[in-house]
Amino acid sequence: MNIIDNFLSDDDFELTQHFFLGTDIDWKFNNCIVSSERGIDQYQFIHEFCNVQFPFDSNYSNFIQPLLTKLNARFIFRLKANLRPRTDQIVHSRYHIDMDLNQQTAIFYLNTNDGYTRFKDPSIPDVQSIANRLVTFDGSLQHCGTSCTDQNVRVLLNINYIPSGNFNVNF
């Protein structure tokens, strides 16, 4: 696992954050967070930019390109934004892996709040949601996300990718 604070320059981050926390992005209601897990507070809003089934939506590339350039990904399986509304108490999603494609997972936090990413392995510390923080980890690590209680929303980008230089891809 690798945590990088202040991942983007201040200018790039401000542009990206303004877009994702503004009114120009189309959020879609997702009535579950992991698989088919449904219930009170187990929902979020998403915007999927690309996945292995459809190509990248270039209309948003100027808001995402600085992140992707710095991430230096060789191949992107999926890139999506998650917006989880505030809850009265921290609510965890179920532990999961995003994909099973021998990929890396990156989470880029767009706002600071009391939510976090937790790993099923108790020896791995929680990663707090801090604006402009990037965490990368082996995509086979089971993890979960949470809601937040101190902001209206918790917003992040979730990227599943193959890093440049990693040519041992098993499908």
N, C-alpha and C. Protein backbone atom coordinates (compact mmCIF):
# COMPACT_ATOMS: atom_id res chain seq x y z
N MET A 1 0.85 -1.17 0.00
CA MET A 1 0.00 0.00 0.00
C MET A 1 0.90 1.23 0.00
N ASN A 2 0.44 2.23 -0.73
CA ASN A 2 1.18 3.48 -0.82
C ASN A 2 0.19 4.64 -0.66
N ILE A 3 0.49 5.55 0.26
CA ILE A 3 -0.35 6.72 0.48
C ILE A 3 0.46 7.96 0.10
N ILE A 4 -0.12 8.78 -0.76
CA ILE A 4 0.55 10.01 -1.20
C ILE A 4 -0.39 11.18 -0.93
N ASP A 5 0.02 12.05 -0.03
CA ASP A 5 -0.74 13.27 0.23
C ASP A 5 -0.34 14.34 -0.78
N ASN A 6 -1.24 15.28 -1.03
CA ASN A 6 -1.01 16.35 -2.01
C ASN A 6 -0.58 15.77 -3.35
N PHE A 7 -1.34 14.78 -3.81
CA PHE A 7 -0.98 14.05 -5.02
C PHE A 7 -0.94 14.96 -6.24
N LEU A 8 -1.93 15.80 -6.40
CA LEU A 8 -1.96 16.73 -7.52
C LEU A 8 -1.46 18.10 -7.09
N SER A 9 -1.00 18.88 -8.05
CA SER A 9 -0.64 20.26 -7.75
C SER A 9 -1.89 20.98 -7.25
N ASP A 10 -1.70 22.08 -6.56
CA ASP A 10 -2.85 22.83 -6.03
C ASP A 10 -3.80 23.24 -7.15
N ASP A 11 -3.26 23.71 -8.28
CA ASP A 11 -4.12 24.14 -9.39
C ASP A 11 -4.91 22.99 -9.98
N ASP A 12 -4.23 21.85 -10.24
CA ASP A 12 -4.93 20.70 -10.79
C ASP A 12 -5.98 20.17 -9.83
N PHE A 13 -5.63 20.12 -8.54
CA PHE A 13 -6.58 19.61 -7.57
C PHE A 13 -7.80 20.52 -7.46
N GLU A 14 -7.57 21.83 -7.42
CA GLU A 14 -8.68 22.77 -7.30
C GLU A 14 -9.66 22.61 -8.47
N LEU A 15 -9.14 22.47 -9.68
CA LEU A 15 -9.99 22.27 -10.86
C LEU A 15 -10.78 20.97 -10.74
N THR A 16 -10.10 19.89 -10.36
CA THR A 16 -10.74 18.58 -10.25
C THR A 16 -11.78 18.58 -9.12
N GLN A 17 -11.42 19.09 -7.98
CA GLN A 17 -12.34 19.11 -6.85
C GLN A 17 -13.57 19.96 -7.15
N HIS A 18 -13.35 21.11 -7.76
CA HIS A 18 -14.47 22.00 -8.10
C HIS A 18 -15.46 21.28 -9.02
N PHE A 19 -14.94 20.52 -9.97
CA PHE A 19 -15.82 19.79 -10.88
C PHE A 19 -16.63 18.74 -10.11
N PHE A 20 -15.98 17.91 -9.31
CA PHE A 20 -16.67 16.80 -8.64
C PHE A 20 -17.58 17.25 -7.51
N LEU A 21 -17.31 18.38 -6.91
CA LEU A 21 -18.17 18.87 -5.84
C LEU A 21 -19.14 19.94 -6.33
N GLY A 22 -19.13 20.18 -7.64
CA GLY A 22 -20.00 21.19 -8.22
C GLY A 22 -21.25 20.59 -8.82
N THR A 23 -21.86 21.32 -9.73
CA THR A 23 -23.15 20.92 -10.29
C THR A 23 -23.06 20.42 -11.73
N ASP A 24 -21.87 20.29 -12.28
CA ASP A 24 -21.74 19.92 -13.70
C ASP A 24 -21.63 18.42 -13.95
N ILE A 25 -21.48 17.63 -12.93
CA ILE A 25 -21.36 16.17 -13.12
C ILE A 25 -22.73 15.52 -12.95
N ASP A 26 -22.98 14.53 -13.76
CA ASP A 26 -24.24 13.77 -13.68
C ASP A 26 -24.03 12.56 -12.77
N TRP A 27 -24.64 12.59 -11.62
CA TRP A 27 -24.57 11.47 -10.68
C TRP A 27 -25.75 10.54 -10.93
N LYS A 28 -25.50 9.25 -10.84
CA LYS A 28 -26.55 8.24 -10.99
C LYS A 28 -26.73 7.52 -9.66
N PHE A 29 -27.99 7.36 -9.27
CA PHE A 29 -28.31 6.66 -8.03
C PHE A 29 -27.98 5.19 -8.17
N ASN A 30 -27.27 4.65 -7.20
CA ASN A 30 -26.92 3.24 -7.14
C ASN A 30 -27.47 2.71 -5.83
N ASN A 31 -28.52 1.89 -5.88
CA ASN A 31 -29.21 1.47 -4.66
C ASN A 31 -28.49 0.40 -3.87
N CYS A 32 -27.23 0.15 -4.21
CA CYS A 32 -26.38 -0.71 -3.40
C CYS A 32 -24.94 -0.24 -3.57
N ILE A 33 -24.10 -0.57 -2.61
CA ILE A 33 -22.71 -0.16 -2.68
C ILE A 33 -21.84 -1.31 -3.14
N VAL A 34 -22.06 -2.47 -2.57
CA VAL A 34 -21.30 -3.67 -2.94
C VAL A 34 -22.28 -4.74 -3.37
N SER A 35 -22.06 -5.27 -4.57
CA SER A 35 -22.91 -6.33 -5.12
C SER A 35 -24.38 -5.95 -4.99
N SER A 36 -25.12 -6.81 -4.33
CA SER A 36 -26.56 -6.57 -4.20
C SER A 36 -26.94 -6.21 -2.77
N GLU A 37 -25.95 -5.78 -1.98
CA GLU A 37 -26.23 -5.41 -0.59
C GLU A 37 -27.09 -4.15 -0.57
N ARG A 38 -28.28 -4.30 -0.07
CA ARG A 38 -29.21 -3.17 0.00
C ARG A 38 -29.62 -2.95 1.45
N GLY A 39 -30.10 -1.79 1.72
CA GLY A 39 -30.57 -1.49 3.06
C GLY A 39 -30.41 -0.02 3.34
N ILE A 40 -30.88 0.37 4.49
CA ILE A 40 -30.80 1.77 4.89
C ILE A 40 -29.32 2.18 4.91
N ASP A 41 -29.01 3.29 4.32
CA ASP A 41 -27.66 3.84 4.26
C ASP A 41 -26.67 3.00 3.45
N GLN A 42 -27.15 2.03 2.67
CA GLN A 42 -26.28 1.23 1.81
C GLN A 42 -26.53 1.62 0.35
N TYR A 43 -26.38 2.90 0.06
CA TYR A 43 -26.54 3.39 -1.29
C TYR A 43 -25.52 4.50 -1.52
N GLN A 44 -25.32 4.83 -2.78
CA GLN A 44 -24.43 5.93 -3.14
C GLN A 44 -24.81 6.42 -4.52
N PHE A 45 -24.19 7.50 -4.92
CA PHE A 45 -24.34 8.01 -6.27
C PHE A 45 -23.00 7.80 -6.97
N ILE A 46 -23.06 7.41 -8.23
CA ILE A 46 -21.82 7.13 -8.95
C ILE A 46 -21.84 7.83 -10.30
N HIS A 47 -20.64 8.00 -10.83
CA HIS A 47 -20.47 8.41 -12.22
C HIS A 47 -19.33 7.55 -12.75
N GLU A 48 -19.66 6.67 -13.68
CA GLU A 48 -18.65 5.78 -14.24
C GLU A 48 -18.12 6.39 -15.52
N PHE A 49 -16.82 6.65 -15.54
CA PHE A 49 -16.18 7.27 -16.70
C PHE A 49 -15.77 6.23 -17.73
N CYS A 50 -15.35 5.09 -17.27
CA CYS A 50 -15.00 4.01 -18.19
C CYS A 50 -14.94 2.70 -17.42
N ASN A 51 -15.12 1.62 -18.14
CA ASN A 51 -14.85 0.29 -17.61
C ASN A 51 -14.46 -0.57 -18.80
N VAL A 52 -14.18 -1.83 -18.55
CA VAL A 52 -13.70 -2.69 -19.63
C VAL A 52 -14.75 -2.87 -20.73
N GLN A 53 -15.99 -2.49 -20.48
CA GLN A 53 -17.05 -2.66 -21.47
C GLN A 53 -17.30 -1.44 -22.33
N PHE A 54 -16.87 -0.25 -21.88
CA PHE A 54 -17.04 0.92 -22.73
C PHE A 54 -15.86 1.87 -22.55
N PRO A 55 -15.53 2.62 -23.60
CA PRO A 55 -14.33 3.47 -23.57
C PRO A 55 -14.53 4.71 -22.71
N PHE A 56 -13.44 5.40 -22.50
CA PHE A 56 -13.40 6.60 -21.69
C PHE A 56 -14.26 7.69 -22.29
N ASP A 57 -15.01 8.38 -21.45
CA ASP A 57 -15.83 9.51 -21.87
C ASP A 57 -14.94 10.75 -21.92
N SER A 58 -14.55 11.17 -23.11
CA SER A 58 -13.60 12.26 -23.26
C SER A 58 -14.16 13.61 -22.86
N ASN A 59 -15.47 13.74 -22.66
CA ASN A 59 -16.04 15.01 -22.24
C ASN A 59 -15.51 15.48 -20.89
N TYR A 60 -15.01 14.57 -20.10
CA TYR A 60 -14.54 14.91 -18.77
C TYR A 60 -13.02 14.79 -18.63
N SER A 61 -12.32 14.59 -19.72
CA SER A 61 -10.90 14.29 -19.64
C SER A 61 -10.08 15.41 -19.00
N ASN A 62 -10.46 16.67 -19.19
CA ASN A 62 -9.66 17.75 -18.60
C ASN A 62 -9.74 17.77 -17.08
N PHE A 63 -10.76 17.16 -16.49
CA PHE A 63 -10.87 17.10 -15.03
C PHE A 63 -10.16 15.87 -14.45
N ILE A 64 -9.92 14.88 -15.29
CA ILE A 64 -9.34 13.64 -14.81
C ILE A 64 -7.91 13.43 -15.32
N GLN A 65 -7.57 14.04 -16.44
CA GLN A 65 -6.27 13.77 -17.07
C GLN A 65 -5.08 14.05 -16.16
N PRO A 66 -5.06 15.13 -15.37
CA PRO A 66 -3.91 15.32 -14.48
C PRO A 66 -3.69 14.15 -13.53
N LEU A 67 -4.78 13.60 -13.01
CA LEU A 67 -4.68 12.45 -12.11
C LEU A 67 -4.16 11.22 -12.85
N LEU A 68 -4.72 10.94 -14.03
CA LEU A 68 -4.31 9.77 -14.79
C LEU A 68 -2.86 9.88 -15.26
N THR A 69 -2.46 11.07 -15.65
CA THR A 69 -1.08 11.28 -16.09
C THR A 69 -0.12 10.99 -14.94
N LYS A 70 -0.40 11.53 -13.79
CA LYS A 70 0.48 11.33 -12.64
C LYS A 70 0.43 9.89 -12.12
N LEU A 71 -0.71 9.24 -12.24
CA LEU A 71 -0.84 7.84 -11.82
C LEU A 71 0.01 6.93 -12.71
N ASN A 72 0.19 7.33 -13.97
CA ASN A 72 1.03 6.60 -14.92
C ASN A 72 0.54 5.17 -15.13
N ALA A 73 -0.76 5.05 -15.37
CA ALA A 73 -1.38 3.74 -15.59
C ALA A 73 -1.13 3.27 -17.03
N ARG A 74 -0.83 2.00 -17.17
CA ARG A 74 -0.65 1.40 -18.49
C ARG A 74 -2.00 1.08 -19.11
N PHE A 75 -2.94 0.60 -18.27
CA PHE A 75 -4.27 0.24 -18.74
C PHE A 75 -5.26 0.48 -17.62
N ILE A 76 -6.41 1.05 -17.93
CA ILE A 76 -7.45 1.30 -16.93
C ILE A 76 -8.62 0.37 -17.20
N PHE A 77 -8.95 -0.44 -16.20
CA PHE A 77 -10.11 -1.32 -16.29
C PHE A 77 -11.40 -0.57 -15.98
N ARG A 78 -11.33 0.28 -14.95
CA ARG A 78 -12.52 1.01 -14.56
C ARG A 78 -12.11 2.29 -13.83
N LEU A 79 -12.87 3.33 -14.08
CA LEU A 79 -12.69 4.60 -13.39
C LEU A 79 -14.07 5.13 -13.07
N LYS A 80 -14.35 5.30 -11.77
CA LYS A 80 -15.65 5.82 -11.39
C LYS A 80 -15.53 6.72 -10.19
N ALA A 81 -16.47 7.63 -10.11
CA ALA A 81 -16.57 8.53 -8.97
C ALA A 81 -17.68 8.02 -8.06
N ASN A 82 -17.46 8.07 -6.77
CA ASN A 82 -18.45 7.67 -5.77
C ASN A 82 -18.78 8.87 -4.90
N LEU A 83 -20.06 9.10 -4.71
CA LEU A 83 -20.54 10.14 -3.80
C LEU A 83 -21.46 9.46 -2.79
N ARG A 84 -21.04 9.46 -1.55
CA ARG A 84 -21.84 8.83 -0.50
C ARG A 84 -22.33 9.91 0.45
N PRO A 85 -23.66 10.03 0.62
CA PRO A 85 -24.21 11.06 1.50
C PRO A 85 -23.86 10.82 2.97
N ARG A 86 -23.91 11.91 3.72
CA ARG A 86 -23.67 11.88 5.16
C ARG A 86 -24.70 10.99 5.85
N THR A 87 -24.27 10.34 6.90
CA THR A 87 -25.17 9.56 7.75
C THR A 87 -24.96 10.02 9.20
N ASP A 88 -25.89 9.68 10.09
CA ASP A 88 -25.78 10.09 11.49
C ASP A 88 -24.62 9.40 12.21
N GLN A 89 -24.36 8.15 11.82
CA GLN A 89 -23.22 7.40 12.35
C GLN A 89 -22.46 6.82 11.16
N ILE A 90 -21.17 6.56 11.34
CA ILE A 90 -20.37 5.96 10.26
C ILE A 90 -20.98 4.61 9.88
N VAL A 91 -21.22 4.42 8.60
CA VAL A 91 -21.77 3.16 8.08
C VAL A 91 -20.75 2.57 7.12
N HIS A 92 -20.40 1.30 7.35
CA HIS A 92 -19.45 0.58 6.49
C HIS A 92 -20.19 -0.16 5.39
N SER A 93 -19.55 -0.24 4.23
CA SER A 93 -20.04 -1.17 3.21
C SER A 93 -19.47 -2.55 3.55
N ARG A 94 -19.83 -3.51 2.77
CA ARG A 94 -19.30 -4.86 2.95
C ARG A 94 -17.87 -4.91 2.40
N TYR A 95 -17.03 -5.77 2.97
CA TYR A 95 -15.68 -5.99 2.42
C TYR A 95 -15.80 -6.58 1.02
N HIS A 96 -14.92 -6.15 0.15
CA HIS A 96 -14.99 -6.60 -1.24
C HIS A 96 -13.66 -6.33 -1.94
N ILE A 97 -13.51 -6.91 -3.11
CA ILE A 97 -12.49 -6.49 -4.06
C ILE A 97 -13.24 -5.91 -5.25
N ASP A 98 -12.66 -4.92 -5.89
CA ASP A 98 -13.36 -4.26 -6.99
C ASP A 98 -13.45 -5.15 -8.22
N MET A 99 -12.34 -5.82 -8.54
CA MET A 99 -12.25 -6.69 -9.71
C MET A 99 -11.27 -7.80 -9.38
N ASP A 100 -11.29 -8.84 -10.17
CA ASP A 100 -10.36 -9.94 -9.98
C ASP A 100 -9.55 -10.10 -11.26
N LEU A 101 -8.74 -9.06 -11.56
CA LEU A 101 -7.99 -9.04 -12.81
C LEU A 101 -6.51 -8.77 -12.57
N ASN A 102 -5.99 -9.11 -11.39
CA ASN A 102 -4.59 -8.90 -11.08
C ASN A 102 -4.21 -7.42 -11.22
N GLN A 103 -5.11 -6.55 -10.80
CA GLN A 103 -4.94 -5.11 -10.99
C GLN A 103 -4.51 -4.43 -9.70
N GLN A 104 -4.15 -3.19 -9.84
CA GLN A 104 -3.97 -2.28 -8.72
C GLN A 104 -5.27 -1.50 -8.54
N THR A 105 -5.50 -1.06 -7.33
CA THR A 105 -6.63 -0.18 -7.06
C THR A 105 -6.07 1.12 -6.51
N ALA A 106 -6.62 2.22 -6.99
CA ALA A 106 -6.27 3.54 -6.47
C ALA A 106 -7.55 4.22 -6.02
N ILE A 107 -7.48 4.89 -4.89
CA ILE A 107 -8.58 5.70 -4.41
C ILE A 107 -8.04 7.11 -4.23
N PHE A 108 -8.71 8.05 -4.86
CA PHE A 108 -8.32 9.45 -4.78
C PHE A 108 -9.43 10.21 -4.07
N TYR A 109 -9.12 10.78 -2.92
CA TYR A 109 -10.11 11.43 -2.08
C TYR A 109 -10.28 12.90 -2.51
N LEU A 110 -11.52 13.29 -2.75
CA LEU A 110 -11.80 14.63 -3.25
C LEU A 110 -12.23 15.62 -2.17
N ASN A 111 -12.58 15.12 -0.99
CA ASN A 111 -12.87 16.03 0.11
C ASN A 111 -12.44 15.39 1.43
N THR A 112 -12.15 16.24 2.38
CA THR A 112 -11.74 15.80 3.71
C THR A 112 -13.00 15.60 4.55
N ASN A 113 -13.06 14.45 5.22
CA ASN A 113 -14.19 14.13 6.07
C ASN A 113 -13.78 13.02 7.03
N ASP A 114 -14.68 12.61 7.91
CA ASP A 114 -14.32 11.58 8.88
C ASP A 114 -14.57 10.15 8.37
N GLY A 115 -14.86 10.00 7.09
CA GLY A 115 -14.96 8.67 6.49
C GLY A 115 -13.57 8.11 6.23
N TYR A 116 -13.51 6.84 5.86
CA TYR A 116 -12.21 6.20 5.64
C TYR A 116 -12.38 4.94 4.81
N THR A 117 -11.25 4.41 4.38
CA THR A 117 -11.19 3.11 3.72
C THR A 117 -10.57 2.14 4.72
N ARG A 118 -11.22 1.01 4.92
CA ARG A 118 -10.74 0.00 5.87
C ARG A 118 -10.42 -1.28 5.10
N PHE A 119 -9.40 -1.98 5.56
CA PHE A 119 -9.00 -3.24 4.96
C PHE A 119 -9.37 -4.38 5.88
N LYS A 120 -9.72 -5.51 5.28
CA LYS A 120 -10.11 -6.67 6.08
C LYS A 120 -8.94 -7.18 6.91
N ASP A 121 -7.74 -7.06 6.38
CA ASP A 121 -6.53 -7.45 7.10
C ASP A 121 -6.30 -6.42 8.22
N PRO A 122 -6.44 -6.83 9.49
CA PRO A 122 -6.34 -5.86 10.58
C PRO A 122 -4.95 -5.25 10.74
N SER A 123 -3.94 -5.81 10.08
CA SER A 123 -2.60 -5.24 10.19
C SER A 123 -2.42 -4.02 9.28
N ILE A 124 -3.37 -3.79 8.38
CA ILE A 124 -3.31 -2.64 7.49
C ILE A 124 -4.15 -1.52 8.10
N PRO A 125 -3.55 -0.37 8.33
CA PRO A 125 -4.31 0.72 8.97
C PRO A 125 -5.37 1.31 8.05
N ASP A 126 -6.40 1.89 8.66
CA ASP A 126 -7.42 2.62 7.91
C ASP A 126 -6.76 3.79 7.19
N VAL A 127 -7.34 4.16 6.05
CA VAL A 127 -6.88 5.33 5.31
C VAL A 127 -7.96 6.39 5.42
N GLN A 128 -7.64 7.48 6.06
CA GLN A 128 -8.59 8.56 6.27
C GLN A 128 -8.85 9.32 4.97
N SER A 129 -10.06 9.81 4.82
CA SER A 129 -10.43 10.61 3.65
C SER A 129 -9.90 12.03 3.82
N ILE A 130 -8.82 12.31 3.14
CA ILE A 130 -8.21 13.64 3.16
C ILE A 130 -8.11 14.12 1.73
N ALA A 131 -8.63 15.30 1.48
CA ALA A 131 -8.64 15.86 0.13
C ALA A 131 -7.24 15.84 -0.48
N ASN A 132 -7.19 15.42 -1.75
CA ASN A 132 -5.95 15.34 -2.55
C ASN A 132 -5.02 14.24 -2.07
N ARG A 133 -5.55 13.23 -1.40
CA ARG A 133 -4.78 12.05 -0.99
C ARG A 133 -5.07 10.93 -1.97
N LEU A 134 -4.03 10.20 -2.34
CA LEU A 134 -4.17 9.02 -3.17
C LEU A 134 -3.63 7.83 -2.40
N VAL A 135 -4.39 6.75 -2.38
CA VAL A 135 -3.90 5.49 -1.83
C VAL A 135 -3.95 4.47 -2.96
N THR A 136 -2.87 3.71 -3.12
CA THR A 136 -2.85 2.61 -4.09
C THR A 136 -2.56 1.33 -3.33
N PHE A 137 -3.16 0.24 -3.80
CA PHE A 137 -2.94 -1.05 -3.15
C PHE A 137 -3.24 -2.18 -4.12
N ASP A 138 -2.75 -3.35 -3.79
CA ASP A 138 -3.00 -4.54 -4.58
C ASP A 138 -4.50 -4.77 -4.63
N GLY A 139 -5.03 -4.90 -5.84
CA GLY A 139 -6.47 -5.03 -6.03
C GLY A 139 -7.08 -6.28 -5.42
N SER A 140 -6.26 -7.22 -4.95
CA SER A 140 -6.80 -8.42 -4.32
C SER A 140 -7.06 -8.22 -2.82
N LEU A 141 -6.70 -7.06 -2.29
CA LEU A 141 -6.96 -6.79 -0.87
C LEU A 141 -8.43 -6.44 -0.65
N GLN A 142 -9.07 -7.17 0.23
CA GLN A 142 -10.45 -6.86 0.56
C GLN A 142 -10.49 -5.57 1.38
N HIS A 143 -11.41 -4.71 1.01
CA HIS A 143 -11.53 -3.41 1.66
C HIS A 143 -12.99 -2.99 1.68
N CYS A 144 -13.27 -1.96 2.45
CA CYS A 144 -14.61 -1.38 2.45
C CYS A 144 -14.48 0.12 2.64
N GLY A 145 -15.52 0.81 2.24
CA GLY A 145 -15.58 2.24 2.44
C GLY A 145 -16.64 2.55 3.47
N THR A 146 -16.66 3.79 3.88
CA THR A 146 -17.63 4.23 4.87
C THR A 146 -18.34 5.49 4.39
N SER A 147 -19.38 5.82 5.10
CA SER A 147 -20.01 7.12 4.95
C SER A 147 -19.19 8.10 5.81
N CYS A 148 -19.66 9.31 5.90
CA CYS A 148 -19.06 10.28 6.81
C CYS A 148 -20.18 10.92 7.63
N THR A 149 -19.80 11.57 8.73
CA THR A 149 -20.79 12.22 9.58
C THR A 149 -20.56 13.73 9.70
N ASP A 150 -19.42 14.22 9.23
CA ASP A 150 -19.07 15.61 9.46
C ASP A 150 -19.12 16.50 8.21
N GLN A 151 -19.48 15.95 7.07
CA GLN A 151 -19.64 16.70 5.82
C GLN A 151 -20.93 16.20 5.17
N ASN A 152 -21.45 16.93 4.21
CA ASN A 152 -22.67 16.50 3.52
C ASN A 152 -22.44 15.24 2.69
N VAL A 153 -21.23 15.10 2.14
CA VAL A 153 -20.93 13.95 1.29
C VAL A 153 -19.48 13.52 1.46
N ARG A 154 -19.20 12.29 1.09
CA ARG A 154 -17.84 11.77 0.95
C ARG A 154 -17.69 11.46 -0.54
N VAL A 155 -16.72 12.08 -1.19
CA VAL A 155 -16.55 11.92 -2.64
C VAL A 155 -15.14 11.45 -2.93
N LEU A 156 -15.04 10.44 -3.80
CA LEU A 156 -13.74 9.90 -4.18
C LEU A 156 -13.79 9.34 -5.58
N LEU A 157 -12.62 9.14 -6.14
CA LEU A 157 -12.47 8.44 -7.41
C LEU A 157 -11.89 7.07 -7.12
N ASN A 158 -12.43 6.07 -7.78
CA ASN A 158 -11.96 4.70 -7.64
C ASN A 158 -11.43 4.26 -9.00
N ILE A 159 -10.17 3.84 -9.04
CA ILE A 159 -9.51 3.48 -10.30
C ILE A 159 -8.93 2.08 -10.17
N ASN A 160 -9.28 1.21 -11.09
CA ASN A 160 -8.71 -0.13 -11.16
C ASN A 160 -7.87 -0.16 -12.42
N TYR A 161 -6.58 -0.49 -12.28
CA TYR A 161 -5.65 -0.28 -13.38
C TYR A 161 -4.44 -1.22 -13.31
N ILE A 162 -3.71 -1.24 -14.41
CA ILE A 162 -2.41 -1.90 -14.47
C ILE A 162 -1.37 -0.79 -14.53
N PRO A 163 -0.44 -0.77 -13.59
CA PRO A 163 0.58 0.28 -13.62
C PRO A 163 1.54 0.09 -14.80
N SER A 164 2.11 1.18 -15.26
CA SER A 164 3.14 1.08 -16.30
C SER A 164 4.29 0.26 -15.76
N GLY A 165 4.86 -0.57 -16.61
CA GLY A 165 5.96 -1.43 -16.20
C GLY A 165 5.53 -2.77 -15.66
N ASN A 166 4.23 -2.97 -15.43
CA ASN A 166 3.74 -4.26 -14.94
C ASN A 166 3.18 -5.03 -16.15
N PHE A 167 3.96 -5.98 -16.63
CA PHE A 167 3.58 -6.72 -17.83
C PHE A 167 3.09 -8.13 -17.53
N ASN A 168 2.94 -8.47 -16.28
CA ASN A 168 2.48 -9.80 -15.89
C ASN A 168 1.00 -9.77 -15.58
N VAL A 169 0.21 -9.52 -16.59
CA VAL A 169 -1.24 -9.43 -16.42
C VAL A 169 -1.85 -10.79 -16.69
N ASN A 170 -2.60 -11.29 -15.74
CA ASN A 170 -3.29 -12.58 -15.89
C ASN A 170 -4.78 -12.36 -15.91
N PHE A 171 -5.42 -12.79 -16.97
CA PHE A 171 -6.88 -12.65 -17.08
C PHE A 171 -7.52 -13.99 -16.89
